Amino acid sequence: MNELPKIFNEFNEARQKGFVDVKNLKDEGKKIVGTYCTYSPWELIMAAGAIPISLCSMSDEPISEAEKHLPKNLCPLIKASYGFALTDKCPYFYFSDMIVGETTCDGKKKMYEYLGQIKPMHVMQLPQTNKGEAPFNSWKSEMILFKQRLESEFGVEITKEKLKEAINLRNRERKALIGFYELGKTCPPPVTGTEMREPPMTEVTSFYCCQ
């Protein structure tokens, strides 16, 4: 599905740009994997030749649509995330070839069941503690299962070399972000936390959220 949604002309300029940017990637043959939590192993996705994009929502715009399916007492984040999936208003979910989520809460588990009816869905079983060897082995097994799912879904092989390249790139990105946010500690700061979240700076990280 590389076509823009029928309601594209109803969106503001910023959201239209998001749709066009991701559509261009799809037109180039890129695969998109939508993620919901920071536990998602972006390195594996990148090693599979796909582009990971965060889908967590910061707007309550589609909540009313989500409440037609989900209990109203679920948290707004879950309802907004599912609402964007239902309404084709999130460019990153709309163009995703696959969605990955983790069992961080019961509400998200239920949402993943519904999302699986819309897109190919992979759910990683998150250990409830980081203490001991058993949780480590459990999460390692989840990583292996996700690797196999990516390879099967996209017809690729995730080699050690590709994985090392992806890990190195992600580590460089993390270091760059740390350096950027450290600017807020200087007195006076050259850029404030509020300014970091405003355009044009948010355009640099436009693939990380639904505006």
N, C-alpha and C. Protein backbone atom coordinates (compact mmCIF):
# COMPACT_ATOMS: atom_id res chain seq x y z
N MET A 1 0.85 -1.19 0.00
CA MET A 1 0.00 0.00 0.00
C MET A 1 0.88 1.24 0.00
N ASN A 2 1.08 1.85 -1.17
CA ASN A 2 1.92 3.04 -1.27
C ASN A 2 1.13 4.29 -1.63
N GLU A 3 -0.19 4.20 -1.60
CA GLU A 3 -1.01 5.36 -1.95
C GLU A 3 -1.35 6.17 -0.71
N LEU A 4 -1.51 7.47 -0.88
CA LEU A 4 -1.90 8.33 0.22
C LEU A 4 -3.36 8.06 0.60
N PRO A 5 -3.72 8.27 1.87
CA PRO A 5 -5.11 8.02 2.29
C PRO A 5 -6.07 9.00 1.64
N LYS A 6 -7.33 8.62 1.57
CA LYS A 6 -8.34 9.47 0.93
C LYS A 6 -8.53 10.79 1.65
N ILE A 7 -8.24 10.81 2.97
CA ILE A 7 -8.45 12.03 3.75
C ILE A 7 -7.19 12.90 3.82
N PHE A 8 -6.23 12.64 2.94
CA PHE A 8 -4.94 13.35 2.97
C PHE A 8 -5.12 14.86 2.93
N ASN A 9 -6.02 15.35 2.09
CA ASN A 9 -6.19 16.80 1.93
C ASN A 9 -6.79 17.48 3.15
N GLU A 10 -7.30 16.69 4.11
CA GLU A 10 -7.86 17.26 5.33
C GLU A 10 -6.79 17.58 6.36
N PHE A 11 -5.57 17.09 6.16
CA PHE A 11 -4.52 17.25 7.16
C PHE A 11 -3.83 18.60 7.02
N ASN A 12 -3.19 19.03 8.14
CA ASN A 12 -2.41 20.26 8.07
C ASN A 12 -1.09 19.99 7.34
N GLU A 13 -0.35 21.04 7.10
CA GLU A 13 0.86 20.92 6.29
C GLU A 13 1.89 20.00 6.91
N ALA A 14 2.05 20.06 8.24
CA ALA A 14 3.05 19.24 8.91
C ALA A 14 2.73 17.75 8.77
N ARG A 15 1.45 17.40 8.92
CA ARG A 15 1.09 15.98 8.81
C ARG A 15 1.17 15.51 7.36
N GLN A 16 0.80 16.37 6.43
CA GLN A 16 0.93 16.01 5.02
C GLN A 16 2.39 15.72 4.68
N LYS A 17 3.28 16.52 5.24
CA LYS A 17 4.71 16.31 4.99
C LYS A 17 5.14 14.95 5.53
N GLY A 18 4.61 14.58 6.72
CA GLY A 18 4.93 13.28 7.27
C GLY A 18 4.51 12.15 6.36
N PHE A 19 3.30 12.26 5.81
CA PHE A 19 2.81 11.25 4.88
C PHE A 19 3.68 11.18 3.63
N VAL A 20 4.02 12.32 3.07
CA VAL A 20 4.81 12.35 1.84
C VAL A 20 6.21 11.79 2.08
N ASP A 21 6.81 12.16 3.22
CA ASP A 21 8.16 11.68 3.52
C ASP A 21 8.20 10.15 3.60
N VAL A 22 7.22 9.57 4.30
CA VAL A 22 7.22 8.11 4.45
C VAL A 22 6.83 7.44 3.13
N LYS A 23 5.92 8.06 2.38
CA LYS A 23 5.55 7.50 1.07
C LYS A 23 6.77 7.45 0.15
N ASN A 24 7.60 8.48 0.21
CA ASN A 24 8.81 8.48 -0.62
C ASN A 24 9.72 7.32 -0.28
N LEU A 25 9.81 7.01 1.02
CA LEU A 25 10.62 5.86 1.43
C LEU A 25 10.03 4.56 0.89
N LYS A 26 8.69 4.46 0.97
CA LYS A 26 8.03 3.26 0.44
C LYS A 26 8.24 3.13 -1.07
N ASP A 27 8.16 4.26 -1.77
CA ASP A 27 8.36 4.25 -3.21
C ASP A 27 9.78 3.80 -3.58
N GLU A 28 10.71 4.01 -2.66
CA GLU A 28 12.09 3.58 -2.88
C GLU A 28 12.28 2.10 -2.55
N GLY A 29 11.20 1.47 -2.09
CA GLY A 29 11.29 0.05 -1.77
C GLY A 29 11.64 -0.25 -0.34
N LYS A 30 11.66 0.78 0.53
CA LYS A 30 11.98 0.57 1.93
C LYS A 30 10.82 -0.07 2.68
N LYS A 31 11.16 -0.88 3.67
CA LYS A 31 10.17 -1.47 4.57
C LYS A 31 10.12 -0.65 5.85
N ILE A 32 8.91 -0.47 6.39
CA ILE A 32 8.71 0.33 7.58
C ILE A 32 8.21 -0.57 8.71
N VAL A 33 8.83 -0.47 9.88
CA VAL A 33 8.37 -1.21 11.05
C VAL A 33 8.00 -0.20 12.14
N GLY A 34 6.72 -0.19 12.52
CA GLY A 34 6.26 0.70 13.57
C GLY A 34 6.50 0.10 14.94
N THR A 35 6.96 0.91 15.88
CA THR A 35 7.24 0.44 17.24
C THR A 35 6.48 1.29 18.24
N TYR A 36 6.26 0.73 19.43
CA TYR A 36 5.51 1.46 20.46
C TYR A 36 6.29 1.76 21.72
N CYS A 37 7.33 1.01 22.03
CA CYS A 37 8.06 1.20 23.29
C CYS A 37 9.56 1.28 23.05
N THR A 38 10.27 1.84 24.02
CA THR A 38 11.71 1.96 23.89
C THR A 38 12.41 0.62 24.01
N TYR A 39 11.68 -0.42 24.41
CA TYR A 39 12.27 -1.75 24.47
C TYR A 39 12.44 -2.36 23.07
N SER A 40 11.79 -1.81 22.10
CA SER A 40 11.89 -2.37 20.75
C SER A 40 13.33 -2.35 20.26
N PRO A 41 13.86 -3.50 19.82
CA PRO A 41 15.25 -3.56 19.36
C PRO A 41 15.41 -2.99 17.95
N TRP A 42 15.57 -1.67 17.87
CA TRP A 42 15.70 -1.02 16.58
C TRP A 42 16.88 -1.57 15.78
N GLU A 43 17.93 -2.04 16.49
CA GLU A 43 19.09 -2.56 15.80
C GLU A 43 18.72 -3.76 14.92
N LEU A 44 17.85 -4.62 15.41
CA LEU A 44 17.42 -5.78 14.62
C LEU A 44 16.62 -5.34 13.39
N ILE A 45 15.77 -4.35 13.58
CA ILE A 45 14.96 -3.85 12.47
C ILE A 45 15.86 -3.26 11.39
N MET A 46 16.82 -2.46 11.82
CA MET A 46 17.74 -1.84 10.86
C MET A 46 18.61 -2.88 10.17
N ALA A 47 19.03 -3.91 10.92
CA ALA A 47 19.85 -4.97 10.33
C ALA A 47 19.07 -5.76 9.29
N ALA A 48 17.74 -5.70 9.38
CA ALA A 48 16.88 -6.36 8.40
C ALA A 48 16.65 -5.48 7.17
N GLY A 49 17.27 -4.30 7.17
CA GLY A 49 17.12 -3.39 6.04
C GLY A 49 15.86 -2.57 6.09
N ALA A 50 15.16 -2.59 7.23
CA ALA A 50 13.91 -1.84 7.38
C ALA A 50 14.16 -0.57 8.20
N ILE A 51 13.17 0.30 8.21
CA ILE A 51 13.27 1.56 8.94
C ILE A 51 12.31 1.53 10.13
N PRO A 52 12.84 1.63 11.37
CA PRO A 52 11.97 1.66 12.54
C PRO A 52 11.43 3.07 12.78
N ILE A 53 10.14 3.15 13.11
CA ILE A 53 9.52 4.45 13.39
C ILE A 53 8.63 4.31 14.62
N SER A 54 8.79 5.21 15.58
CA SER A 54 8.00 5.18 16.79
C SER A 54 6.58 5.65 16.52
N LEU A 55 5.60 4.94 17.10
CA LEU A 55 4.19 5.24 16.85
C LEU A 55 3.46 5.81 18.06
N CYS A 56 4.13 5.99 19.19
CA CYS A 56 3.43 6.52 20.36
C CYS A 56 2.82 7.88 20.05
N SER A 57 1.58 8.08 20.49
CA SER A 57 0.82 9.27 20.08
C SER A 57 0.82 10.34 21.16
N MET A 58 0.87 11.59 20.72
CA MET A 58 0.86 12.72 21.65
C MET A 58 -0.39 13.57 21.47
N SER A 59 -1.40 13.07 20.79
CA SER A 59 -2.62 13.82 20.54
C SER A 59 -3.84 12.99 20.91
N ASP A 60 -4.86 13.65 21.49
CA ASP A 60 -6.09 12.93 21.86
C ASP A 60 -7.12 12.98 20.73
N GLU A 61 -6.70 13.47 19.58
CA GLU A 61 -7.60 13.66 18.44
C GLU A 61 -8.44 12.43 18.09
N PRO A 62 -7.85 11.21 18.02
CA PRO A 62 -8.64 10.06 17.56
C PRO A 62 -9.22 9.19 18.68
N ILE A 63 -9.18 9.69 19.92
CA ILE A 63 -9.61 8.86 21.06
C ILE A 63 -11.07 8.43 20.94
N SER A 64 -11.92 9.32 20.47
CA SER A 64 -13.34 8.99 20.37
C SER A 64 -13.58 7.79 19.46
N GLU A 65 -12.79 7.67 18.39
CA GLU A 65 -12.93 6.53 17.50
C GLU A 65 -12.46 5.25 18.18
N ALA A 66 -11.38 5.36 18.96
CA ALA A 66 -10.84 4.18 19.65
C ALA A 66 -11.83 3.66 20.69
N GLU A 67 -12.57 4.57 21.32
CA GLU A 67 -13.49 4.17 22.39
C GLU A 67 -14.69 3.39 21.86
N LYS A 68 -14.85 3.35 20.54
CA LYS A 68 -15.89 2.51 19.95
C LYS A 68 -15.51 1.03 20.03
N HIS A 69 -14.23 0.77 20.28
CA HIS A 69 -13.73 -0.60 20.33
C HIS A 69 -13.11 -0.93 21.68
N LEU A 70 -12.43 0.05 22.30
CA LEU A 70 -11.72 -0.18 23.55
C LEU A 70 -12.50 0.39 24.73
N PRO A 71 -12.31 -0.17 25.93
CA PRO A 71 -12.96 0.39 27.13
C PRO A 71 -12.54 1.83 27.36
N LYS A 72 -13.47 2.66 27.77
CA LYS A 72 -13.18 4.08 27.96
C LYS A 72 -12.22 4.33 29.12
N ASN A 73 -12.08 3.36 30.03
CA ASN A 73 -11.21 3.58 31.18
C ASN A 73 -9.76 3.22 30.91
N LEU A 74 -9.42 2.84 29.66
CA LEU A 74 -8.02 2.64 29.32
C LEU A 74 -7.30 3.98 29.27
N CYS A 75 -5.99 3.96 29.39
CA CYS A 75 -5.23 5.21 29.42
C CYS A 75 -5.30 5.91 28.05
N PRO A 76 -5.22 7.24 28.03
CA PRO A 76 -5.33 8.00 26.78
C PRO A 76 -4.27 7.62 25.75
N LEU A 77 -3.07 7.26 26.20
CA LEU A 77 -2.01 6.89 25.25
C LEU A 77 -2.42 5.69 24.41
N ILE A 78 -2.99 4.68 25.06
CA ILE A 78 -3.41 3.48 24.34
C ILE A 78 -4.54 3.81 23.38
N LYS A 79 -5.52 4.56 23.85
CA LYS A 79 -6.66 4.88 23.00
C LYS A 79 -6.25 5.77 21.83
N ALA A 80 -5.34 6.70 22.07
CA ALA A 80 -4.88 7.56 20.98
C ALA A 80 -4.09 6.74 19.95
N SER A 81 -3.24 5.85 20.43
CA SER A 81 -2.44 5.02 19.52
C SER A 81 -3.35 4.18 18.63
N TYR A 82 -4.35 3.55 19.24
CA TYR A 82 -5.26 2.71 18.46
C TYR A 82 -6.15 3.56 17.56
N GLY A 83 -6.54 4.73 18.04
CA GLY A 83 -7.37 5.61 17.23
C GLY A 83 -6.68 6.05 15.97
N PHE A 84 -5.38 6.37 16.06
CA PHE A 84 -4.63 6.75 14.87
C PHE A 84 -4.56 5.59 13.88
N ALA A 85 -4.45 4.37 14.41
CA ALA A 85 -4.40 3.20 13.52
C ALA A 85 -5.72 3.01 12.80
N LEU A 86 -6.82 3.29 13.49
CA LEU A 86 -8.16 3.11 12.90
C LEU A 86 -8.48 4.14 11.83
N THR A 87 -8.03 5.37 12.05
CA THR A 87 -8.50 6.49 11.24
C THR A 87 -7.59 6.85 10.07
N ASP A 88 -6.46 6.17 9.93
CA ASP A 88 -5.50 6.48 8.85
C ASP A 88 -4.96 7.89 8.97
N LYS A 89 -4.90 8.42 10.20
CA LYS A 89 -4.41 9.79 10.38
C LYS A 89 -2.94 9.86 10.78
N CYS A 90 -2.34 8.71 11.06
CA CYS A 90 -0.91 8.68 11.40
C CYS A 90 -0.13 8.16 10.20
N PRO A 91 0.73 8.97 9.61
CA PRO A 91 1.46 8.54 8.41
C PRO A 91 2.36 7.35 8.69
N TYR A 92 2.87 7.25 9.90
CA TYR A 92 3.85 6.22 10.21
C TYR A 92 3.19 4.86 10.43
N PHE A 93 2.01 4.84 11.02
CA PHE A 93 1.27 3.59 11.11
C PHE A 93 0.71 3.22 9.74
N TYR A 94 0.18 4.19 9.05
CA TYR A 94 -0.48 3.95 7.76
C TYR A 94 0.46 3.24 6.78
N PHE A 95 1.73 3.65 6.75
CA PHE A 95 2.67 3.08 5.80
C PHE A 95 3.52 1.95 6.39
N SER A 96 3.27 1.57 7.64
CA SER A 96 4.05 0.50 8.25
C SER A 96 3.74 -0.84 7.59
N ASP A 97 4.79 -1.62 7.35
CA ASP A 97 4.62 -2.97 6.81
C ASP A 97 4.41 -3.97 7.94
N MET A 98 4.83 -3.59 9.13
CA MET A 98 4.76 -4.48 10.28
C MET A 98 4.80 -3.63 11.55
N ILE A 99 4.16 -4.14 12.60
CA ILE A 99 4.15 -3.46 13.89
C ILE A 99 4.75 -4.38 14.93
N VAL A 100 5.57 -3.81 15.84
CA VAL A 100 6.10 -4.60 16.95
C VAL A 100 5.75 -3.90 18.26
N GLY A 101 5.34 -4.69 19.23
CA GLY A 101 5.00 -4.14 20.53
C GLY A 101 5.50 -5.05 21.63
N GLU A 102 5.56 -4.53 22.84
CA GLU A 102 5.98 -5.31 24.00
C GLU A 102 4.89 -5.30 25.05
N THR A 103 4.86 -6.33 25.87
CA THR A 103 3.79 -6.49 26.86
C THR A 103 4.08 -5.67 28.12
N THR A 104 4.09 -4.35 27.94
CA THR A 104 4.38 -3.46 29.07
C THR A 104 3.17 -3.28 29.98
N CYS A 105 1.97 -3.51 29.48
CA CYS A 105 0.77 -3.41 30.32
C CYS A 105 -0.37 -4.19 29.68
N ASP A 106 -1.39 -4.50 30.49
CA ASP A 106 -2.52 -5.29 29.98
C ASP A 106 -3.30 -4.54 28.92
N GLY A 107 -3.39 -3.21 29.06
CA GLY A 107 -4.12 -2.42 28.08
C GLY A 107 -3.49 -2.52 26.70
N LYS A 108 -2.17 -2.46 26.65
CA LYS A 108 -1.49 -2.57 25.36
C LYS A 108 -1.63 -3.96 24.77
N LYS A 109 -1.66 -4.97 25.64
CA LYS A 109 -1.85 -6.34 25.14
C LYS A 109 -3.17 -6.44 24.37
N LYS A 110 -4.21 -5.84 24.93
CA LYS A 110 -5.51 -5.85 24.25
C LYS A 110 -5.45 -5.06 22.96
N MET A 111 -4.78 -3.89 22.99
CA MET A 111 -4.66 -3.09 21.78
C MET A 111 -3.93 -3.87 20.69
N TYR A 112 -2.89 -4.62 21.05
CA TYR A 112 -2.15 -5.37 20.07
C TYR A 112 -3.03 -6.43 19.39
N GLU A 113 -3.97 -6.99 20.15
CA GLU A 113 -4.89 -7.96 19.55
C GLU A 113 -5.68 -7.32 18.41
N TYR A 114 -6.15 -6.09 18.66
CA TYR A 114 -6.91 -5.38 17.64
C TYR A 114 -6.02 -4.93 16.48
N LEU A 115 -4.80 -4.47 16.81
CA LEU A 115 -3.90 -4.02 15.75
C LEU A 115 -3.53 -5.16 14.81
N GLY A 116 -3.48 -6.37 15.36
CA GLY A 116 -3.15 -7.53 14.54
C GLY A 116 -4.18 -7.81 13.46
N GLN A 117 -5.35 -7.20 13.58
CA GLN A 117 -6.38 -7.34 12.55
C GLN A 117 -6.20 -6.30 11.43
N ILE A 118 -5.30 -5.34 11.68
CA ILE A 118 -5.07 -4.26 10.71
C ILE A 118 -3.74 -4.44 9.98
N LYS A 119 -2.71 -4.79 10.73
CA LYS A 119 -1.36 -4.92 10.19
C LYS A 119 -0.73 -6.21 10.73
N PRO A 120 0.31 -6.72 10.04
CA PRO A 120 1.10 -7.81 10.63
C PRO A 120 1.67 -7.34 11.97
N MET A 121 1.44 -8.10 13.02
CA MET A 121 1.78 -7.68 14.39
C MET A 121 2.69 -8.70 15.04
N HIS A 122 3.76 -8.21 15.67
CA HIS A 122 4.63 -9.10 16.45
C HIS A 122 4.71 -8.55 17.87
N VAL A 123 4.40 -9.40 18.84
CA VAL A 123 4.41 -9.00 20.25
C VAL A 123 5.54 -9.69 20.98
N MET A 124 6.38 -8.91 21.63
CA MET A 124 7.49 -9.44 22.40
C MET A 124 7.09 -9.50 23.88
N GLN A 125 7.28 -10.67 24.49
CA GLN A 125 6.90 -10.88 25.89
C GLN A 125 7.99 -10.31 26.79
N LEU A 126 7.69 -9.20 27.43
CA LEU A 126 8.69 -8.49 28.23
C LEU A 126 8.80 -9.10 29.63
N PRO A 127 10.00 -9.48 30.07
CA PRO A 127 10.16 -9.98 31.45
C PRO A 127 9.75 -8.91 32.46
N GLN A 128 9.22 -9.34 33.58
CA GLN A 128 8.73 -8.40 34.59
C GLN A 128 9.81 -7.94 35.55
N THR A 129 11.04 -8.44 35.39
CA THR A 129 12.15 -8.01 36.23
C THR A 129 13.45 -8.19 35.45
N ASN A 130 14.48 -7.46 35.86
CA ASN A 130 15.80 -7.63 35.23
C ASN A 130 16.76 -8.34 36.17
N LYS A 131 16.24 -8.94 37.21
CA LYS A 131 17.07 -9.63 38.20
C LYS A 131 17.17 -11.12 37.87
N GLY A 132 18.38 -11.62 37.82
CA GLY A 132 18.57 -13.04 37.64
C GLY A 132 18.80 -13.44 36.19
N GLU A 133 19.16 -14.71 36.02
CA GLU A 133 19.49 -15.23 34.70
C GLU A 133 18.25 -15.56 33.88
N ALA A 134 17.17 -16.00 34.53
CA ALA A 134 15.97 -16.43 33.81
C ALA A 134 15.37 -15.30 32.97
N PRO A 135 15.17 -14.08 33.53
CA PRO A 135 14.63 -12.99 32.70
C PRO A 135 15.55 -12.64 31.52
N PHE A 136 16.85 -12.71 31.75
CA PHE A 136 17.80 -12.43 30.66
C PHE A 136 17.62 -13.43 29.52
N ASN A 137 17.55 -14.72 29.87
CA ASN A 137 17.38 -15.75 28.86
C ASN A 137 16.03 -15.64 28.15
N SER A 138 15.02 -15.24 28.93
CA SER A 138 13.68 -15.06 28.34
C SER A 138 13.70 -13.95 27.29
N TRP A 139 14.32 -12.82 27.63
CA TRP A 139 14.36 -11.69 26.69
C TRP A 139 15.25 -12.01 25.49
N LYS A 140 16.32 -12.76 25.72
CA LYS A 140 17.17 -13.20 24.63
C LYS A 140 16.37 -14.05 23.65
N SER A 141 15.54 -14.93 24.17
CA SER A 141 14.69 -15.77 23.31
C SER A 141 13.72 -14.92 22.50
N GLU A 142 13.18 -13.85 23.13
CA GLU A 142 12.28 -12.95 22.42
C GLU A 142 13.00 -12.23 21.28
N MET A 143 14.26 -11.85 21.52
CA MET A 143 15.06 -11.21 20.47
C MET A 143 15.24 -12.16 19.28
N ILE A 144 15.54 -13.42 19.58
CA ILE A 144 15.76 -14.40 18.52
C ILE A 144 14.47 -14.62 17.72
N LEU A 145 13.34 -14.71 18.43
CA LEU A 145 12.06 -14.89 17.75
C LEU A 145 11.74 -13.69 16.85
N PHE A 146 12.03 -12.50 17.34
CA PHE A 146 11.78 -11.29 16.55
C PHE A 146 12.68 -11.26 15.33
N LYS A 147 13.93 -11.65 15.50
CA LYS A 147 14.87 -11.73 14.37
C LYS A 147 14.32 -12.67 13.30
N GLN A 148 13.84 -13.82 13.73
CA GLN A 148 13.30 -14.80 12.78
C GLN A 148 12.05 -14.27 12.10
N ARG A 149 11.23 -13.54 12.84
CA ARG A 149 10.01 -12.98 12.24
C ARG A 149 10.36 -11.93 11.19
N LEU A 150 11.33 -11.09 11.48
CA LEU A 150 11.75 -10.08 10.51
C LEU A 150 12.30 -10.73 9.25
N GLU A 151 13.11 -11.74 9.42
CA GLU A 151 13.69 -12.43 8.27
C GLU A 151 12.60 -13.08 7.42
N SER A 152 11.61 -13.67 8.09
CA SER A 152 10.52 -14.32 7.37
C SER A 152 9.62 -13.29 6.68
N GLU A 153 9.32 -12.20 7.39
CA GLU A 153 8.40 -11.19 6.87
C GLU A 153 8.97 -10.47 5.66
N PHE A 154 10.28 -10.19 5.68
CA PHE A 154 10.88 -9.38 4.63
C PHE A 154 11.79 -10.17 3.69
N GLY A 155 11.91 -11.47 3.92
CA GLY A 155 12.73 -12.29 3.03
C GLY A 155 14.19 -11.91 3.03
N VAL A 156 14.75 -11.65 4.22
CA VAL A 156 16.14 -11.23 4.34
C VAL A 156 16.87 -12.12 5.36
N GLU A 157 18.17 -11.95 5.42
CA GLU A 157 18.97 -12.62 6.45
C GLU A 157 19.67 -11.56 7.28
N ILE A 158 19.47 -11.62 8.59
CA ILE A 158 20.14 -10.68 9.49
C ILE A 158 21.47 -11.30 9.92
N THR A 159 22.56 -10.84 9.33
CA THR A 159 23.88 -11.38 9.62
C THR A 159 24.51 -10.65 10.81
N LYS A 160 25.55 -11.24 11.37
CA LYS A 160 26.27 -10.59 12.47
C LYS A 160 26.86 -9.26 12.02
N GLU A 161 27.34 -9.21 10.79
CA GLU A 161 27.94 -7.98 10.27
C GLU A 161 26.90 -6.86 10.19
N LYS A 162 25.71 -7.18 9.67
CA LYS A 162 24.65 -6.17 9.57
C LYS A 162 24.21 -5.71 10.95
N LEU A 163 24.15 -6.65 11.89
CA LEU A 163 23.73 -6.31 13.24
C LEU A 163 24.76 -5.42 13.93
N LYS A 164 26.04 -5.71 13.72
CA LYS A 164 27.09 -4.87 14.30
C LYS A 164 27.03 -3.46 13.74
N GLU A 165 26.79 -3.34 12.44
CA GLU A 165 26.68 -2.02 11.82
C GLU A 165 25.52 -1.23 12.42
N ALA A 166 24.39 -1.91 12.61
CA ALA A 166 23.22 -1.25 13.17
C ALA A 166 23.47 -0.83 14.61
N ILE A 167 24.14 -1.68 15.39
CA ILE A 167 24.45 -1.35 16.79
C ILE A 167 25.36 -0.13 16.86
N ASN A 168 26.39 -0.11 16.00
CA ASN A 168 27.31 1.03 15.99
C ASN A 168 26.60 2.32 15.63
N LEU A 169 25.69 2.26 14.65
CA LEU A 169 24.95 3.44 14.24
C LEU A 169 24.05 3.94 15.36
N ARG A 170 23.33 3.02 16.00
CA ARG A 170 22.43 3.41 17.10
C ARG A 170 23.21 4.00 18.27
N ASN A 171 24.39 3.46 18.56
CA ASN A 171 25.21 4.00 19.65
C ASN A 171 25.67 5.42 19.32
N ARG A 172 26.02 5.66 18.06
CA ARG A 172 26.40 7.01 17.64
C ARG A 172 25.22 7.97 17.76
N GLU A 173 24.02 7.49 17.41
CA GLU A 173 22.82 8.33 17.53
C GLU A 173 22.57 8.69 18.99
N ARG A 174 22.73 7.71 19.89
CA ARG A 174 22.50 7.96 21.32
C ARG A 174 23.49 8.98 21.87
N LYS A 175 24.75 8.84 21.48
CA LYS A 175 25.76 9.78 21.94
C LYS A 175 25.46 11.19 21.43
N ALA A 176 25.01 11.30 20.18
CA ALA A 176 24.67 12.61 19.62
C ALA A 176 23.50 13.24 20.37
N LEU A 177 22.49 12.42 20.71
CA LEU A 177 21.34 12.94 21.44
C LEU A 177 21.73 13.38 22.84
N ILE A 178 22.60 12.61 23.49
CA ILE A 178 23.06 12.99 24.83
C ILE A 178 23.76 14.34 24.76
N GLY A 179 24.63 14.51 23.78
CA GLY A 179 25.32 15.79 23.62
C GLY A 179 24.36 16.94 23.36
N PHE A 180 23.33 16.68 22.56
CA PHE A 180 22.33 17.71 22.26
C PHE A 180 21.57 18.11 23.51
N TYR A 181 21.11 17.13 24.28
CA TYR A 181 20.34 17.44 25.48
C TYR A 181 21.20 18.05 26.59
N GLU A 182 22.49 17.77 26.57
CA GLU A 182 23.40 18.36 27.55
C GLU A 182 23.46 19.87 27.42
N LEU A 183 23.10 20.39 26.24
CA LEU A 183 23.11 21.84 26.04
C LEU A 183 22.18 22.54 27.03
N GLY A 184 21.12 21.83 27.46
CA GLY A 184 20.17 22.43 28.38
C GLY A 184 20.72 22.64 29.77
N LYS A 185 21.89 22.06 30.08
CA LYS A 185 22.47 22.20 31.41
C LYS A 185 23.33 23.43 31.57
N THR A 186 23.72 24.05 30.44
CA THR A 186 24.58 25.23 30.52
C THR A 186 23.77 26.43 31.00
N CYS A 187 24.46 27.44 31.50
CA CYS A 187 23.77 28.62 32.05
C CYS A 187 24.40 29.88 31.47
N PRO A 188 23.63 30.60 30.63
CA PRO A 188 22.28 30.26 30.18
C PRO A 188 22.34 29.21 29.06
N PRO A 189 21.31 28.41 28.92
CA PRO A 189 21.32 27.38 27.88
C PRO A 189 21.16 28.00 26.49
N PRO A 190 21.94 27.54 25.50
CA PRO A 190 21.78 28.05 24.13
C PRO A 190 20.44 27.64 23.52
N VAL A 191 19.85 26.58 24.03
CA VAL A 191 18.55 26.13 23.57
C VAL A 191 17.83 25.50 24.76
N THR A 192 16.58 25.89 24.97
CA THR A 192 15.82 25.38 26.10
C THR A 192 15.11 24.07 25.74
N GLY A 193 14.62 23.39 26.76
CA GLY A 193 13.88 22.16 26.53
C GLY A 193 12.66 22.39 25.67
N THR A 194 11.98 23.51 25.89
CA THR A 194 10.81 23.83 25.08
C THR A 194 11.18 24.02 23.62
N GLU A 195 12.28 24.74 23.39
CA GLU A 195 12.71 24.99 22.01
C GLU A 195 13.12 23.70 21.31
N MET A 196 13.61 22.73 22.08
CA MET A 196 13.98 21.45 21.49
C MET A 196 12.79 20.71 20.92
N ARG A 197 11.60 21.04 21.44
CA ARG A 197 10.39 20.35 21.00
C ARG A 197 9.60 21.15 19.98
N GLU A 198 10.16 22.24 19.49
CA GLU A 198 9.46 23.09 18.53
C GLU A 198 10.10 22.99 17.16
N PRO A 199 9.32 23.23 16.08
CA PRO A 199 9.90 23.28 14.74
C PRO A 199 10.92 24.41 14.67
N PRO A 200 11.97 24.33 13.87
CA PRO A 200 12.24 23.25 12.92
C PRO A 200 12.97 22.05 13.53
N MET A 201 13.33 22.12 14.83
CA MET A 201 14.11 21.03 15.42
C MET A 201 13.34 19.72 15.42
N THR A 202 12.03 19.78 15.59
CA THR A 202 11.25 18.55 15.62
C THR A 202 11.23 17.87 14.26
N GLU A 203 11.54 18.63 13.19
CA GLU A 203 11.58 18.01 11.87
C GLU A 203 12.69 16.98 11.78
N VAL A 204 13.76 17.19 12.59
CA VAL A 204 14.87 16.25 12.57
C VAL A 204 14.43 14.89 13.10
N THR A 205 13.48 14.89 14.05
CA THR A 205 13.01 13.65 14.65
C THR A 205 11.55 13.40 14.33
N SER A 206 11.13 13.82 13.13
CA SER A 206 9.72 13.72 12.77
C SER A 206 9.23 12.28 12.68
N PHE A 207 10.14 11.31 12.56
CA PHE A 207 9.75 9.91 12.47
C PHE A 207 9.56 9.29 13.86
N TYR A 208 9.61 10.08 14.91
CA TYR A 208 9.55 9.52 16.25
C TYR A 208 8.21 9.72 16.94
N CYS A 209 7.28 10.40 16.32
CA CYS A 209 6.00 10.61 17.00
C CYS A 209 4.94 11.06 16.01
N CYS A 210 3.68 10.96 16.46
CA CYS A 210 2.58 11.49 15.67
C CYS A 210 2.17 12.82 16.25
N GLN A 211 2.27 13.88 15.46
CA GLN A 211 1.94 15.20 15.99
C GLN A 211 0.44 15.41 16.05
